[in-house]
Amino acid sequence: CVVFSTHDLLHIRYHAEDNVLWHNISWTRYWEKTMWILPIHWPSPVGHWVLCVIKFPSKQLLLFDSLTEQKPWKQDIKVTEYSC
């Protein structure tokens, strides 16, 4: 698995150039991993952190949010079909 750093996620959010992103995360070889661990900062209604585990082989998103129920997350996850 690969764990994404919140430092790298801020670069992505604020549109860092590709070479900056590549320099910071290429060593993780994330594209070869079958599972990603992604911290998400959820700003509303109160700022807190949520953990998302992305499992590619089974196409699952596992979300852990200690401050909410299951239902609110369904509106935040876009389900799409894609092929590689």
PDB file of N, CA and C in Angstrom:
ATOM      1  N   CYS A   1       0.846  -1.181   0.000  1.00  0.00           N
ATOM      2  CA  CYS A   1       0.000   0.000   0.000  1.00  0.00           C
ATOM      3  C   CYS A   1       0.887   1.238   0.000  1.00  0.00           C
ATOM      4  N   VAL A   2       0.281   2.350  -0.246  1.00  0.00           N
ATOM      5  CA  VAL A   2       0.967   3.632  -0.176  1.00  0.00           C
ATOM      6  C   VAL A   2       0.125   4.560   0.690  1.00  0.00           C
ATOM      7  N   VAL A   3       0.811   5.342   1.523  1.00  0.00           N
ATOM      8  CA  VAL A   3       0.150   6.335   2.359  1.00  0.00           C
ATOM      9  C   VAL A   3       0.479   7.702   1.775  1.00  0.00           C
ATOM     10  N   PHE A   4      -0.540   8.431   1.392  1.00  0.00           N
ATOM     11  CA  PHE A   4      -0.323   9.767   0.856  1.00  0.00           C
ATOM     12  C   PHE A   4      -0.164  10.755   2.005  1.00  0.00           C
ATOM     13  N   SER A   5       0.799  11.618   1.872  1.00  0.00           N
ATOM     14  CA  SER A   5       1.054  12.643   2.873  1.00  0.00           C
ATOM     15  C   SER A   5       0.109  13.818   2.647  1.00  0.00           C
ATOM     16  N   THR A   6      -0.350  14.416   3.714  1.00  0.00           N
ATOM     17  CA  THR A   6      -1.192  15.606   3.570  1.00  0.00           C
ATOM     18  C   THR A   6      -0.401  16.751   2.945  1.00  0.00           C
ATOM     19  N   HIS A   7       0.903  16.728   3.118  1.00  0.00           N
ATOM     20  CA  HIS A   7       1.761  17.735   2.480  1.00  0.00           C
ATOM     21  C   HIS A   7       1.623  17.651   0.960  1.00  0.00           C
ATOM     22  N   ASP A   8       1.641  16.437   0.426  1.00  0.00           N
ATOM     23  CA  ASP A   8       1.492  16.252  -1.014  1.00  0.00           C
ATOM     24  C   ASP A   8       0.097  16.621  -1.486  1.00  0.00           C
ATOM     25  N   LEU A   9      -0.892  16.325  -0.680  1.00  0.00           N
ATOM     26  CA  LEU A   9      -2.266  16.642  -1.063  1.00  0.00           C
ATOM     27  C   LEU A   9      -2.483  18.154  -1.162  1.00  0.00           C
ATOM     28  N   LEU A  10      -1.811  18.910  -0.309  1.00  0.00           N
ATOM     29  CA  LEU A  10      -1.910  20.373  -0.404  1.00  0.00           C
ATOM     30  C   LEU A  10      -1.303  20.875  -1.711  1.00  0.00           C
ATOM     31  N   HIS A  11      -0.219  20.258  -2.134  1.00  0.00           N
ATOM     32  CA  HIS A  11       0.359  20.632  -3.429  1.00  0.00           C
ATOM     33  C   HIS A  11      -0.665  20.424  -4.547  1.00  0.00           C
ATOM     34  N   ILE A  12      -1.359  19.321  -4.495  1.00  0.00           N
ATOM     35  CA  ILE A  12      -2.356  19.012  -5.522  1.00  0.00           C
ATOM     36  C   ILE A  12      -3.503  20.014  -5.461  1.00  0.00           C
ATOM     37  N   ARG A  13      -3.984  20.270  -4.263  1.00  0.00           N
ATOM     38  CA  ARG A  13      -5.112  21.203  -4.094  1.00  0.00           C
ATOM     39  C   ARG A  13      -4.799  22.590  -4.633  1.00  0.00           C
ATOM     40  N   TYR A  14      -3.568  23.043  -4.437  1.00  0.00           N
ATOM     41  CA  TYR A  14      -3.204  24.391  -4.858  1.00  0.00           C
ATOM     42  C   TYR A  14      -2.462  24.406  -6.197  1.00  0.00           C
ATOM     43  N   HIS A  15      -2.696  23.373  -6.991  1.00  0.00           N
ATOM     44  CA  HIS A  15      -2.273  23.326  -8.390  1.00  0.00           C
ATOM     45  C   HIS A  15      -0.763  23.466  -8.570  1.00  0.00           C
ATOM     46  N   ALA A  16      -0.003  22.723  -7.809  1.00  0.00           N
ATOM     47  CA  ALA A  16       1.447  22.712  -7.986  1.00  0.00           C
ATOM     48  C   ALA A  16       1.783  22.162  -9.366  1.00  0.00           C
ATOM     49  N   GLU A  17       2.912  22.557  -9.869  1.00  0.00           N
ATOM     50  CA  GLU A  17       3.333  22.070 -11.175  1.00  0.00           C
ATOM     51  C   GLU A  17       3.644  20.577 -11.105  1.00  0.00           C
ATOM     52  N   ASP A  18       3.479  19.908 -12.231  1.00  0.00           N
ATOM     53  CA  ASP A  18       3.684  18.461 -12.290  1.00  0.00           C
ATOM     54  C   ASP A  18       5.062  18.037 -11.806  1.00  0.00           C
ATOM     55  N   ASN A  19       6.097  18.799 -12.156  1.00  0.00           N
ATOM     56  CA  ASN A  19       7.443  18.402 -11.744  1.00  0.00           C
ATOM     57  C   ASN A  19       7.619  18.463 -10.229  1.00  0.00           C
ATOM     58  N   VAL A  20       6.931  19.363  -9.554  1.00  0.00           N
ATOM     59  CA  VAL A  20       6.983  19.444  -8.087  1.00  0.00           C
ATOM     60  C   VAL A  20       6.291  18.220  -7.482  1.00  0.00           C
ATOM     61  N   LEU A  21       5.112  17.899  -7.996  1.00  0.00           N
ATOM     62  CA  LEU A  21       4.392  16.722  -7.510  1.00  0.00           C
ATOM     63  C   LEU A  21       5.204  15.454  -7.744  1.00  0.00           C
ATOM     64  N   TRP A  22       5.740  15.314  -8.936  1.00  0.00           N
ATOM     65  CA  TRP A  22       6.498  14.127  -9.276  1.00  0.00           C
ATOM     66  C   TRP A  22       7.721  13.977  -8.370  1.00  0.00           C
ATOM     67  N   HIS A  23       8.401  15.057  -8.106  1.00  0.00           N
ATOM     68  CA  HIS A  23       9.577  15.033  -7.231  1.00  0.00           C
ATOM     69  C   HIS A  23       9.209  14.528  -5.834  1.00  0.00           C
ATOM     70  N   ASN A  24       8.051  14.933  -5.347  1.00  0.00           N
ATOM     71  CA  ASN A  24       7.644  14.592  -3.981  1.00  0.00           C
ATOM     72  C   ASN A  24       7.056  13.196  -3.832  1.00  0.00           C
ATOM     73  N   ILE A  25       6.409  12.677  -4.871  1.00  0.00           N
ATOM     74  CA  ILE A  25       5.711  11.399  -4.680  1.00  0.00           C
ATOM     75  C   ILE A  25       6.165  10.256  -5.576  1.00  0.00           C
ATOM     76  N   SER A  26       7.055  10.503  -6.508  1.00  0.00           N
ATOM     77  CA  SER A  26       7.457   9.426  -7.421  1.00  0.00           C
ATOM     78  C   SER A  26       8.120   8.262  -6.686  1.00  0.00           C
ATOM     79  N   TRP A  27       8.820   8.552  -5.608  1.00  0.00           N
ATOM     80  CA  TRP A  27       9.512   7.491  -4.863  1.00  0.00           C
ATOM     81  C   TRP A  27       8.537   6.494  -4.245  1.00  0.00           C
ATOM     82  N   THR A  28       7.273   6.867  -4.069  1.00  0.00           N
ATOM     83  CA  THR A  28       6.291   5.955  -3.472  1.00  0.00           C
ATOM     84  C   THR A  28       5.843   4.873  -4.456  1.00  0.00           C
ATOM     85  N   ARG A  29       6.004   5.161  -5.756  1.00  0.00           N
ATOM     86  CA  ARG A  29       5.554   4.262  -6.817  1.00  0.00           C
ATOM     87  C   ARG A  29       4.075   3.880  -6.607  1.00  0.00           C
ATOM     88  N   TYR A  30       3.275   4.886  -6.257  1.00  0.00           N
ATOM     89  CA  TYR A  30       1.865   4.673  -5.916  1.00  0.00           C
ATOM     90  C   TYR A  30       1.090   3.952  -7.006  1.00  0.00           C
ATOM     91  N   TRP A  31       1.444   4.153  -8.241  1.00  0.00           N
ATOM     92  CA  TRP A  31       0.722   3.537  -9.356  1.00  0.00           C
ATOM     93  C   TRP A  31       0.857   2.017  -9.379  1.00  0.00           C
ATOM     94  N   GLU A  32       1.820   1.476  -8.632  1.00  0.00           N
ATOM     95  CA  GLU A  32       1.996   0.026  -8.566  1.00  0.00           C
ATOM     96  C   GLU A  32       1.266  -0.611  -7.378  1.00  0.00           C
ATOM     97  N   LYS A  33       0.723   0.188  -6.511  1.00  0.00           N
ATOM     98  CA  LYS A  33       0.100  -0.315  -5.282  1.00  0.00           C
ATOM     99  C   LYS A  33      -1.367  -0.650  -5.508  1.00  0.00           C
ATOM    100  N   THR A  34      -1.823  -1.667  -4.820  1.00  0.00           N
ATOM    101  CA  THR A  34      -3.229  -2.069  -4.936  1.00  0.00           C
ATOM    102  C   THR A  34      -4.105  -1.402  -3.881  1.00  0.00           C
ATOM    103  N   MET A  35      -3.468  -0.739  -2.919  1.00  0.00           N
ATOM    104  CA  MET A  35      -4.237  -0.065  -1.878  1.00  0.00           C
ATOM    105  C   MET A  35      -3.577   1.271  -1.555  1.00  0.00           C
ATOM    106  N   TRP A  36      -4.413   2.317  -1.492  1.00  0.00           N
ATOM    107  CA  TRP A  36      -3.935   3.642  -1.104  1.00  0.00           C
ATOM    108  C   TRP A  36      -4.607   4.034   0.200  1.00  0.00           C
ATOM    109  N   ILE A  37      -3.852   4.691   1.070  1.00  0.00           N
ATOM    110  CA  ILE A  37      -4.403   5.233   2.310  1.00  0.00           C
ATOM    111  C   ILE A  37      -4.343   6.747   2.178  1.00  0.00           C
ATOM    112  N   LEU A  38      -5.512   7.354   2.247  1.00  0.00           N
ATOM    113  CA  LEU A  38      -5.640   8.769   1.929  1.00  0.00           C
ATOM    114  C   LEU A  38      -6.300   9.529   3.075  1.00  0.00           C
ATOM    115  N   PRO A  39      -5.573  10.435   3.738  1.00  0.00           N
ATOM    116  CA  PRO A  39      -6.211  11.281   4.748  1.00  0.00           C
ATOM    117  C   PRO A  39      -6.991  12.399   4.056  1.00  0.00           C
ATOM    118  N   ILE A  40      -8.157  12.696   4.566  1.00  0.00           N
ATOM    119  CA  ILE A  40      -8.999  13.739   3.989  1.00  0.00           C
ATOM    120  C   ILE A  40      -9.375  14.710   5.104  1.00  0.00           C
ATOM    121  N   HIS A  41      -9.121  15.996   4.870  1.00  0.00           N
ATOM    122  CA  HIS A  41      -9.564  16.999   5.839  1.00  0.00           C
ATOM    123  C   HIS A  41     -10.963  17.443   5.458  1.00  0.00           C
ATOM    124  N   TRP A  42     -11.882  17.232   6.362  1.00  0.00           N
ATOM    125  CA  TRP A  42     -13.294  17.537   6.128  1.00  0.00           C
ATOM    126  C   TRP A  42     -13.608  18.838   6.858  1.00  0.00           C
ATOM    127  N   PRO A  43     -13.776  19.959   6.134  1.00  0.00           N
ATOM    128  CA  PRO A  43     -13.876  21.261   6.795  1.00  0.00           C
ATOM    129  C   PRO A  43     -15.205  21.590   7.462  1.00  0.00           C
ATOM    130  N   SER A  44     -16.292  20.926   7.073  1.00  0.00           N
ATOM    131  CA  SER A  44     -17.559  21.346   7.666  1.00  0.00           C
ATOM    132  C   SER A  44     -18.305  20.161   8.236  1.00  0.00           C
ATOM    133  N   PRO A  45     -19.140  20.303   9.222  1.00  0.00           N
ATOM    134  CA  PRO A  45     -19.412  21.542   9.946  1.00  0.00           C
ATOM    135  C   PRO A  45     -18.281  21.929  10.910  1.00  0.00           C
ATOM    136  N   VAL A  46     -17.524  20.967  11.372  1.00  0.00           N
ATOM    137  CA  VAL A  46     -16.326  21.281  12.167  1.00  0.00           C
ATOM    138  C   VAL A  46     -15.146  20.588  11.498  1.00  0.00           C
ATOM    139  N   GLY A  47     -14.016  21.226  11.478  1.00  0.00           N
ATOM    140  CA  GLY A  47     -12.858  20.633  10.818  1.00  0.00           C
ATOM    141  C   GLY A  47     -12.384  19.378  11.534  1.00  0.00           C
ATOM    142  N   HIS A  48     -12.261  18.307  10.807  1.00  0.00           N
ATOM    143  CA  HIS A  48     -11.710  17.067  11.351  1.00  0.00           C
ATOM    144  C   HIS A  48     -11.173  16.225  10.206  1.00  0.00           C
ATOM    145  N   TRP A  49     -10.486  15.152  10.562  1.00  0.00           N
ATOM    146  CA  TRP A  49      -9.867  14.288   9.568  1.00  0.00           C
ATOM    147  C   TRP A  49     -10.642  12.994   9.401  1.00  0.00           C
ATOM    148  N   VAL A  50     -10.670  12.530   8.161  1.00  0.00           N
ATOM    149  CA  VAL A  50     -11.331  11.288   7.787  1.00  0.00           C
ATOM    150  C   VAL A  50     -10.283  10.420   7.093  1.00  0.00           C
ATOM    151  N   LEU A  51     -10.383   9.135   7.275  1.00  0.00           N
ATOM    152  CA  LEU A  51      -9.458   8.221   6.623  1.00  0.00           C
ATOM    153  C   LEU A  51     -10.177   7.486   5.503  1.00  0.00           C
ATOM    154  N   CYS A  52      -9.573   7.466   4.334  1.00  0.00           N
ATOM    155  CA  CYS A  52     -10.115   6.723   3.201  1.00  0.00           C
ATOM    156  C   CYS A  52      -9.083   5.681   2.776  1.00  0.00           C
ATOM    157  N   VAL A  53      -9.511   4.437   2.708  1.00  0.00           N
ATOM    158  CA  VAL A  53      -8.670   3.361   2.191  1.00  0.00           C
ATOM    159  C   VAL A  53      -9.257   2.977   0.839  1.00  0.00           C
ATOM    160  N   ILE A  54      -8.432   3.067  -0.189  1.00  0.00           N
ATOM    161  CA  ILE A  54      -8.866   2.786  -1.553  1.00  0.00           C
ATOM    162  C   ILE A  54      -8.283   1.437  -1.951  1.00  0.00           C
ATOM    163  N   LYS A  55      -9.160   0.478  -2.226  1.00  0.00           N
ATOM    164  CA  LYS A  55      -8.738  -0.875  -2.594  1.00  0.00           C
ATOM    165  C   LYS A  55      -9.093  -1.104  -4.061  1.00  0.00           C
ATOM    166  N   PHE A  56      -8.089  -1.037  -4.909  1.00  0.00           N
ATOM    167  CA  PHE A  56      -8.323  -1.121  -6.344  1.00  0.00           C
ATOM    168  C   PHE A  56      -8.823  -2.476  -6.825  1.00  0.00           C
ATOM    169  N   PRO A  57      -8.252  -3.593  -6.373  1.00  0.00           N
ATOM    170  CA  PRO A  57      -8.729  -4.879  -6.905  1.00  0.00           C
ATOM    171  C   PRO A  57     -10.230  -5.102  -6.703  1.00  0.00           C
ATOM    172  N   SER A  58     -10.745  -4.673  -5.551  1.00  0.00           N
ATOM    173  CA  SER A  58     -12.168  -4.885  -5.268  1.00  0.00           C
ATOM    174  C   SER A  58     -13.017  -3.646  -5.556  1.00  0.00           C
ATOM    175  N   LYS A  59     -12.370  -2.560  -6.018  1.00  0.00           N
ATOM    176  CA  LYS A  59     -13.060  -1.299  -6.317  1.00  0.00           C
ATOM    177  C   LYS A  59     -13.844  -0.799  -5.108  1.00  0.00           C
ATOM    178  N   GLN A  60     -13.187  -0.799  -3.949  1.00  0.00           N
ATOM    179  CA  GLN A  60     -13.834  -0.368  -2.710  1.00  0.00           C
ATOM    180  C   GLN A  60     -13.202   0.906  -2.169  1.00  0.00           C
ATOM    181  N   LEU A  61     -14.052   1.754  -1.597  1.00  0.00           N
ATOM    182  CA  LEU A  61     -13.620   2.882  -0.792  1.00  0.00           C
ATOM    183  C   LEU A  61     -14.070   2.590   0.632  1.00  0.00           C
ATOM    184  N   LEU A  62     -13.129   2.518   1.547  1.00  0.00           N
ATOM    185  CA  LEU A  62     -13.463   2.303   2.947  1.00  0.00           C
ATOM    186  C   LEU A  62     -13.217   3.618   3.672  1.00  0.00           C
ATOM    187  N   LEU A  63     -14.269   4.171   4.252  1.00  0.00           N
ATOM    188  CA  LEU A  63     -14.173   5.460   4.901  1.00  0.00           C
ATOM    189  C   LEU A  63     -14.355   5.313   6.402  1.00  0.00           C
ATOM    190  N   PHE A  64     -13.469   5.960   7.143  1.00  0.00           N
ATOM    191  CA  PHE A  64     -13.630   6.015   8.591  1.00  0.00           C
ATOM    192  C   PHE A  64     -13.748   7.471   8.989  1.00  0.00           C
ATOM    193  N   ASP A  65     -14.898   7.813   9.522  1.00  0.00           N
ATOM    194  CA  ASP A  65     -15.179   9.160   9.994  1.00  0.00           C
ATOM    195  C   ASP A  65     -15.875   9.019  11.334  1.00  0.00           C
ATOM    196  N   SER A  66     -15.184   9.359  12.388  1.00  0.00           N
ATOM    197  CA  SER A  66     -15.732   9.161  13.727  1.00  0.00           C
ATOM    198  C   SER A  66     -16.828  10.160  14.075  1.00  0.00           C
ATOM    199  N   LEU A  67     -17.059  11.163  13.227  1.00  0.00           N
ATOM    200  CA  LEU A  67     -18.041  12.198  13.551  1.00  0.00           C
ATOM    201  C   LEU A  67     -19.291  12.186  12.686  1.00  0.00           C
ATOM    202  N   THR A  68     -19.500  11.156  11.901  1.00  0.00           N
ATOM    203  CA  THR A  68     -20.679  11.160  11.038  1.00  0.00           C
ATOM    204  C   THR A  68     -21.262   9.758  10.895  1.00  0.00           C
ATOM    205  N   GLU A  69     -22.395   9.705  10.230  1.00  0.00           N
ATOM    206  CA  GLU A  69     -23.030   8.435   9.921  1.00  0.00           C
ATOM    207  C   GLU A  69     -22.667   8.037   8.498  1.00  0.00           C
ATOM    208  N   GLN A  70     -23.099   6.886   8.069  1.00  0.00           N
ATOM    209  CA  GLN A  70     -22.782   6.387   6.735  1.00  0.00           C
ATOM    210  C   GLN A  70     -23.488   7.191   5.643  1.00  0.00           C
ATOM    211  N   LYS A  71     -24.703   7.594   5.867  1.00  0.00           N
ATOM    212  CA  LYS A  71     -25.507   8.225   4.823  1.00  0.00           C
ATOM    213  C   LYS A  71     -24.899   9.501   4.227  1.00  0.00           C
ATOM    214  N   PRO A  72     -24.356  10.442   5.020  1.00  0.00           N
ATOM    215  CA  PRO A  72     -23.846  11.669   4.404  1.00  0.00           C
ATOM    216  C   PRO A  72     -22.726  11.451   3.383  1.00  0.00           C
ATOM    217  N   TRP A  73     -21.960  10.406   3.520  1.00  0.00           N
ATOM    218  CA  TRP A  73     -20.859  10.171   2.586  1.00  0.00           C
ATOM    219  C   TRP A  73     -21.336   9.743   1.214  1.00  0.00           C
ATOM    220  N   LYS A  74     -22.489   9.139   1.127  1.00  0.00           N
ATOM    221  CA  LYS A  74     -22.972   8.649  -0.166  1.00  0.00           C
ATOM    222  C   LYS A  74     -23.101   9.779  -1.182  1.00  0.00           C
ATOM    223  N   GLN A  75     -23.458  10.967  -0.760  1.00  0.00           N
ATOM    224  CA  GLN A  75     -23.594  12.086  -1.691  1.00  0.00           C
ATOM    225  C   GLN A  75     -22.234  12.638  -2.138  1.00  0.00           C
ATOM    226  N   ASP A  76     -21.180  12.305  -1.437  1.00  0.00           N
ATOM    227  CA  ASP A  76     -19.851  12.818  -1.759  1.00  0.00           C
ATOM    228  C   ASP A  76     -19.037  11.893  -2.641  1.00  0.00           C
ATOM    229  N   ILE A  77     -19.518  10.698  -2.874  1.00  0.00           N
ATOM    230  CA  ILE A  77     -18.775   9.726  -3.666  1.00  0.00           C
ATOM    231  C   ILE A  77     -19.465   9.570  -5.013  1.00  0.00           C
ATOM    232  N   LYS A  78     -18.767   9.921  -6.058  1.00  0.00           N
ATOM    233  CA  LYS A  78     -19.309   9.803  -7.400  1.00  0.00           C
ATOM    234  C   LYS A  78     -18.970   8.411  -7.920  1.00  0.00           C
ATOM    235  N   VAL A  79     -19.947   7.678  -8.317  1.00  0.00           N
ATOM    236  CA  VAL A  79     -19.750   6.331  -8.847  1.00  0.00           C
ATOM    237  C   VAL A  79     -19.711   6.421 -10.365  1.00  0.00           C
ATOM    238  N   THR A  80     -18.613   5.967 -10.923  1.00  0.00           N
ATOM    239  CA  THR A  80     -18.476   5.962 -12.378  1.00  0.00           C
ATOM    240  C   THR A  80     -17.886   4.647 -12.824  1.00  0.00           C
ATOM    241  N   GLU A  81     -18.174   4.291 -14.019  1.00  0.00           N
ATOM    242  CA  GLU A  81     -17.567   3.108 -14.616  1.00  0.00           C
ATOM    243  C   GLU A  81     -16.412   3.580 -15.479  1.00  0.00           C
ATOM    244  N   TYR A  82     -15.315   2.895 -15.383  1.00  0.00           N
ATOM    245  CA  TYR A  82     -14.163   3.246 -16.198  1.00  0.00           C
ATOM    246  C   TYR A  82     -13.435   1.978 -16.606  1.00  0.00           C
ATOM    247  N   SER A  83     -12.643   2.110 -17.616  1.00  0.00           N
ATOM    248  CA  SER A  83     -11.821   0.985 -18.041  1.00  0.00           C
ATOM    249  C   SER A  83     -10.397   1.483 -18.240  1.00  0.00           C
ATOM    250  N   CYS A  84      -9.460   0.621 -17.937  1.00  0.00           N
ATOM    251  CA  CYS A  84      -8.049   1.001 -18.059  1.00  0.00           C
ATOM    252  C   CYS A  84      -7.462   0.481 -19.343  1.00  0.00           C
TER     253      CYS A  84
END
